[in-house]
Amino acid sequence: MPVKTDSLEYRTEYALREKPIVERLVRLRNELAHGGWQSIDPDEYEELYKEIDQLMGLLCDEIESAAATRRFKRTSSVKVAAR
């Protein structure tokens, strides 16, 4: 579920790749939580690792860009009364 922010966009790459990654991780987690035993396929692990690493890299770039351009600052619509 995407988090809405004013300064970071929910990129198309996230939307397209999030659900399949989460579904695979939840499936593995549920099998283990319900007493199932499954060896982890090294190729599947490597694929998940690469996909998550790529998405984290995109997110890191987005955060760095927001910091460099100061997009992280909120614009307040609340006015402070003058004293």
Protein backbone atom coordinates (compact mmCIF):
# COMPACT_ATOMS: atom_id res chain seq x y z
CA MET A 1 0.00 0.00 0.00
CA PRO A 2 1.62 3.24 -1.11
CA VAL A 3 2.23 6.05 1.33
CA LYS A 4 1.16 9.50 0.12
CA THR A 5 3.67 12.29 0.51
CA ASP A 6 3.88 15.73 -0.99
CA SER A 7 7.56 15.53 -1.85
CA LEU A 8 8.14 11.91 -2.93
CA GLU A 9 6.24 10.39 -5.80
CA TYR A 10 5.07 6.78 -5.87
CA ARG A 11 6.90 5.80 -9.02
CA THR A 12 5.50 3.47 -11.65
CA GLU A 13 8.39 1.09 -10.99
CA TYR A 14 7.18 0.65 -7.42
CA ALA A 15 3.59 0.03 -8.42
CA LEU A 16 4.49 -2.55 -11.07
CA ARG A 17 6.95 -4.51 -8.95
CA GLU A 18 5.62 -4.20 -5.41
CA LYS A 19 2.75 -6.70 -5.52
CA PRO A 20 4.66 -9.68 -7.00
CA ILE A 21 7.51 -9.19 -4.50
CA VAL A 22 5.18 -8.90 -1.51
CA GLU A 23 3.12 -11.91 -2.63
CA ARG A 24 6.21 -14.11 -2.89
CA LEU A 25 7.53 -13.02 0.49
CA VAL A 26 4.14 -13.47 2.19
CA ARG A 27 3.76 -16.93 0.65
CA LEU A 28 7.14 -18.01 2.02
CA ARG A 29 6.41 -16.43 5.40
CA ASN A 30 3.02 -18.13 5.68
CA GLU A 31 4.43 -21.55 4.81
CA LEU A 32 7.05 -21.20 7.53
CA ALA A 33 4.59 -19.74 10.07
CA HIS A 34 2.23 -22.69 9.60
CA GLY A 35 4.91 -25.28 10.18
CA GLY A 36 5.83 -25.88 6.58
CA TRP A 37 9.39 -26.55 5.65
CA GLN A 38 10.65 -25.36 2.36
CA SER A 39 14.17 -24.92 1.18
CA ILE A 40 14.73 -21.55 -0.38
CA ASP A 41 15.67 -21.66 -4.02
CA PRO A 42 18.95 -19.74 -4.38
CA ASP A 43 17.87 -18.38 -7.77
CA GLU A 44 14.56 -17.08 -6.37
CA TYR A 45 16.41 -15.51 -3.44
CA GLU A 46 18.89 -13.82 -5.78
CA GLU A 47 16.06 -12.52 -7.99
CA LEU A 48 14.13 -11.11 -5.01
CA TYR A 49 17.30 -9.60 -3.60
CA LYS A 50 18.11 -7.85 -6.89
CA GLU A 51 14.56 -6.55 -7.34
CA ILE A 52 14.37 -5.17 -3.81
CA ASP A 53 17.86 -3.69 -4.07
CA GLN A 54 16.92 -1.91 -7.31
CA LEU A 55 13.74 -0.50 -5.77
CA MET A 56 15.64 0.64 -2.69
CA GLY A 57 18.16 2.35 -4.98
CA LEU A 58 15.34 4.22 -6.72
CA LEU A 59 13.89 5.25 -3.37
CA CYS A 60 17.31 6.39 -2.16
CA ASP A 61 17.74 8.50 -5.31
CA GLU A 62 14.29 10.02 -4.78
CA ILE A 63 15.09 10.90 -1.15
CA GLU A 64 18.46 12.40 -2.10
CA SER A 65 16.81 14.46 -4.84
CA ALA A 66 14.14 15.70 -2.42
CA ALA A 67 16.85 16.69 0.05
CA ALA A 68 18.96 18.45 -2.59
CA THR A 69 16.03 20.44 -3.92
CA ARG A 70 14.54 20.94 -0.44
CA ARG A 71 11.26 19.35 -1.57
CA PHE A 72 10.98 17.75 1.84
CA LYS A 73 9.97 21.04 3.44
CA ARG A 74 6.30 21.42 4.14
CA THR A 75 4.48 24.49 3.06
CA SER A 76 2.28 25.44 5.94
CA SER A 77 -1.13 26.94 5.41
CA VAL A 78 -1.44 27.67 9.12
CA LYS A 79 -0.92 31.35 9.89
CA VAL A 80 0.59 32.41 13.16
CA ALA A 81 -1.10 35.37 14.80
CA ALA A 82 1.13 38.42 15.13
CA ARG A 83 1.85 39.58 18.68
